[in-house]
Protein backbone atom coordinates (compact mmCIF):
# COMPACT_ATOMS: atom_id res chain seq x y z
CA ILE A 1 -16.57 -28.58 -13.96
CA GLU A 2 -19.50 -27.33 -11.86
CA THR A 3 -17.07 -26.04 -9.23
CA TYR A 4 -15.10 -24.22 -11.92
CA PHE A 5 -18.21 -22.41 -13.18
CA LEU A 6 -19.28 -21.64 -9.63
CA VAL A 7 -15.90 -20.06 -8.87
CA CYS A 8 -15.92 -18.12 -12.17
CA GLY A 9 -19.44 -16.86 -11.47
CA GLY A 10 -18.44 -15.76 -7.99
CA VAL A 11 -15.39 -13.89 -9.29
CA ALA A 12 -17.52 -12.24 -12.00
CA ALA A 13 -20.12 -11.15 -9.43
CA ILE A 14 -17.46 -9.66 -7.14
CA THR A 15 -15.84 -7.87 -10.09
CA ILE A 16 -19.16 -6.38 -11.23
CA VAL A 17 -20.08 -5.19 -7.72
CA ASP A 18 -16.61 -3.65 -7.28
CA TRP A 19 -16.80 -1.91 -10.67
CA LEU A 20 -20.28 -0.55 -9.92
CA SER A 21 -19.29 0.75 -6.49
CA ARG A 22 -16.29 2.57 -8.01
CA SER A 23 -18.32 3.92 -10.94
CA LEU A 24 -21.12 5.31 -8.79
CA ARG A 25 -18.85 7.03 -6.29
CA ARG A 26 -19.21 10.80 -6.21
CA ILE A 27 -16.06 12.69 -7.20
CA PRO A 28 -15.22 15.40 -4.64
CA LYS A 29 -15.40 18.94 -6.05
CA GLU A 30 -11.94 19.64 -4.58
CA LEU A 31 -10.32 17.00 -6.81
CA ARG A 32 -8.74 18.77 -9.78
CA ASP A 33 -6.65 16.00 -11.32
CA THR A 34 -5.87 12.33 -10.86
CA GLN A 35 -3.12 10.39 -12.53
CA ALA A 36 -2.35 6.76 -11.82
CA THR A 37 0.60 4.65 -12.85
CA ILE A 38 0.85 0.92 -12.38
CA VAL A 39 4.34 -0.23 -11.43
CA ASP A 40 5.15 -3.90 -12.13
CA VAL A 41 7.47 -4.79 -9.26
CA VAL A 42 8.48 -8.17 -10.75
CA GLU A 43 9.41 -6.55 -14.06
CA LEU A 44 11.56 -3.88 -12.40
CA LEU A 45 13.27 -6.21 -9.90
CA GLY A 46 13.65 -9.09 -12.34
CA HIS A 47 12.12 -11.58 -9.89
CA ALA A 48 9.15 -12.00 -7.57
CA PRO A 49 10.00 -10.73 -4.07
CA CYS A 50 7.93 -13.29 -2.20
CA SER A 51 8.53 -16.39 -0.14
CA GLY A 52 6.78 -19.71 0.16
CA TRP A 53 5.28 -21.96 -2.45
CA ILE A 54 1.74 -20.73 -1.78
CA THR A 55 2.54 -17.12 -2.64
CA HIS A 56 4.59 -18.17 -5.68
CA SER A 57 1.68 -20.33 -6.85
CA PHE A 58 -1.08 -17.77 -6.32
CA ARG A 59 0.88 -15.00 -8.04
CA ARG A 60 0.57 -16.96 -11.28
CA LEU A 61 -3.23 -16.99 -11.25
CA PRO A 62 -4.78 -14.93 -14.04
CA GLY A 63 -5.83 -11.50 -12.84
CA ASN A 64 -3.62 -11.58 -9.75
CA GLN A 65 -2.17 -8.12 -9.19
CA ILE A 66 -0.14 -8.86 -6.08
CA PHE A 67 3.02 -7.36 -7.61
CA GLU A 68 1.38 -4.39 -9.26
CA MET A 69 1.78 -1.23 -7.25
CA GLU A 70 -0.43 1.74 -8.10
CA VAL A 71 1.05 5.18 -7.69
CA ALA A 72 -1.85 7.62 -7.75
CA THR A 73 -1.22 11.34 -7.86
CA LYS A 74 -4.15 13.54 -6.91
CA THR A 75 -4.24 17.31 -7.12
CA LEU A 76 -6.68 19.01 -4.80
CA ALA A 77 -7.89 22.61 -4.68
CA LEU A 78 -8.57 23.49 -1.06
CA PRO A 79 -9.79 27.09 -0.79
CA ARG A 80 -9.03 27.46 2.94
CA LEU A 81 -5.53 26.00 2.66
CA PRO A 82 -2.88 28.47 3.85
CA PRO A 83 -0.77 29.72 0.91
CA GLU A 84 2.44 28.34 2.46
CA LEU A 85 1.02 24.83 2.06
CA ASP A 86 0.25 25.25 -1.64
CA GLY A 87 2.00 22.44 -3.52
CA LEU A 88 2.43 20.26 -0.42
CA LYS A 89 3.18 16.67 -1.47
CA ILE A 90 1.90 13.92 0.82
CA VAL A 91 2.70 10.25 0.36
CA HIS A 92 0.06 8.02 1.94
CA PHE A 93 0.58 4.35 2.80
CA SER A 94 -2.16 2.15 4.12
CA ASP A 95 -2.63 -1.56 4.74
CA LEU A 96 0.94 -2.72 4.15
CA HIS A 97 0.20 -5.94 6.08
CA LEU A 98 3.75 -7.13 6.68
CA TYR A 99 3.06 -10.84 6.85
CA GLY A 100 6.16 -12.55 5.53
CA HIS A 101 4.83 -13.79 2.21
CA MET A 102 5.97 -10.59 0.52
CA THR A 103 9.64 -10.21 1.41
CA ALA A 104 11.33 -7.20 2.99
CA GLU A 105 12.79 -6.54 -0.46
CA PHE A 106 9.27 -5.84 -1.77
CA PHE A 107 8.63 -3.25 0.94
CA ALA A 108 12.10 -1.72 0.45
CA PHE A 109 11.17 -1.28 -3.22
CA VAL A 110 7.90 0.43 -2.25
CA VAL A 111 9.83 2.78 0.04
CA GLU A 112 12.27 3.62 -2.79
CA GLN A 113 9.33 4.50 -5.03
CA ALA A 114 7.86 6.73 -2.31
CA ASN A 115 11.16 8.51 -1.71
CA ALA A 116 11.52 9.14 -5.45
CA LEU A 117 8.34 11.27 -5.22
CA GLU A 118 10.23 13.64 -2.86
CA PRO A 119 7.31 14.06 -0.44
CA ASP A 120 6.92 16.86 2.04
CA LEU A 121 5.05 14.59 4.43
CA ILE A 122 4.43 10.84 4.77
CA ALA A 123 1.33 9.38 6.41
CA ILE A 124 1.07 5.68 7.26
CA THR A 125 -2.49 4.86 8.21
CA GLY A 126 -2.72 1.52 9.88
CA ASP A 127 -2.55 -2.20 9.34
CA LEU A 128 1.22 -2.34 9.03
CA MET A 129 1.78 -5.73 10.65
CA ASP A 130 0.20 -9.14 10.51
CA ARG A 131 3.09 -11.18 11.92
CA ALA A 132 5.50 -10.30 14.72
CA ARG A 133 8.34 -12.00 12.85
CA CYS A 134 8.29 -9.01 10.47
CA LEU A 135 8.90 -6.41 13.21
CA PRO A 136 12.65 -6.24 12.41
CA TRP A 137 11.74 -5.24 8.84
CA ILE A 138 10.43 -1.88 10.07
CA GLY A 139 13.91 -0.39 10.43
CA GLU A 140 15.26 -1.71 7.14
CA THR A 141 12.17 -0.69 5.16
CA LEU A 142 10.04 2.07 6.69
CA GLY A 143 13.14 3.44 8.45
CA ARG A 144 14.39 4.53 5.02
CA LEU A 145 11.39 6.76 4.31
CA ARG A 146 12.42 10.38 3.74
CA SER A 147 10.29 13.52 3.73
CA ARG A 148 10.81 17.20 4.47
CA HIS A 149 8.37 17.43 7.38
CA GLY A 150 8.40 13.92 8.81
CA THR A 151 6.68 10.58 8.71
CA TYR A 152 3.60 9.99 10.83
CA CYS A 153 1.87 6.74 11.62
CA ILE A 154 -1.30 5.55 13.26
CA LEU A 155 -1.99 1.91 14.07
CA GLY A 156 -4.87 -0.12 12.69
CA ASN A 157 -6.85 -3.09 13.89
CA HIS A 158 -4.38 -5.64 12.47
CA ASP A 159 -1.59 -3.97 14.43
CA MET A 160 -3.64 -4.45 17.59
CA TYR A 161 -4.21 -8.16 16.82
CA LEU A 162 -0.46 -8.71 17.24
CA ARG A 163 -0.68 -7.86 20.93
CA GLN A 164 2.81 -6.42 20.54
CA THR A 165 1.84 -2.75 20.43
CA GLU A 166 4.69 -1.55 22.65
CA ASN A 167 7.22 -3.52 20.60
CA LEU A 168 5.77 -2.19 17.32
CA LEU A 169 5.79 1.39 18.64
CA ARG A 170 9.43 0.99 19.70
CA HIS A 171 10.41 -0.25 16.23
CA LEU A 172 8.50 2.63 14.61
CA GLY A 173 10.14 5.15 16.93
CA ASP A 174 13.61 3.78 16.19
C-alpha cells in the first residue's frame, strides 16, 4: 500500500509541475487563434494498433493517452510575412519515435490525418526512429505524406543513436 501511495504522489507531483509550466508560459503576441482536437485512434480504427503484451497492458492504465492524437491548429499574424505566403498551412511532426510497439498502421493513420489537412508544407523535426527494424515503415507511412510545396525533415538525437544515418536518409529520400 505504501508503494501505491508513493507512486500516486509521484504522478500527482509530475502532473502539477507540468500544469504549472504550461499555465505560466507566455503566449506569443503573434498567436491569434489556437484550436485543438483530440482524435481517439482506437475509436476510429476499432482496435488498438500496437504490438506486444507490454504495450497492450500499459494502454489500459488510467490516464494513458498513448492512442490520443492531438491536432492543434494555430493561426499566426506575422507582420513581415510576404503576402503570397498568407494562409500558408504547415503540418509539423516531431518525435514520432518509430519503435515497433505502435504498429505501422498507427503511423499510416497519423499520415492520413495530416493529408486530410491539405497542407502546403510538411516539416518533420527529428526523433523519427528508435529501432532499425522500423526503417521499412518509412516508405509505407511517411512516403504517403502529401503537400503542395514538399516535405522536409531534419534528424534528431534518437535518429543518431541508431547509427544507421545513411540508411535512414536513403529511406527518407526514397
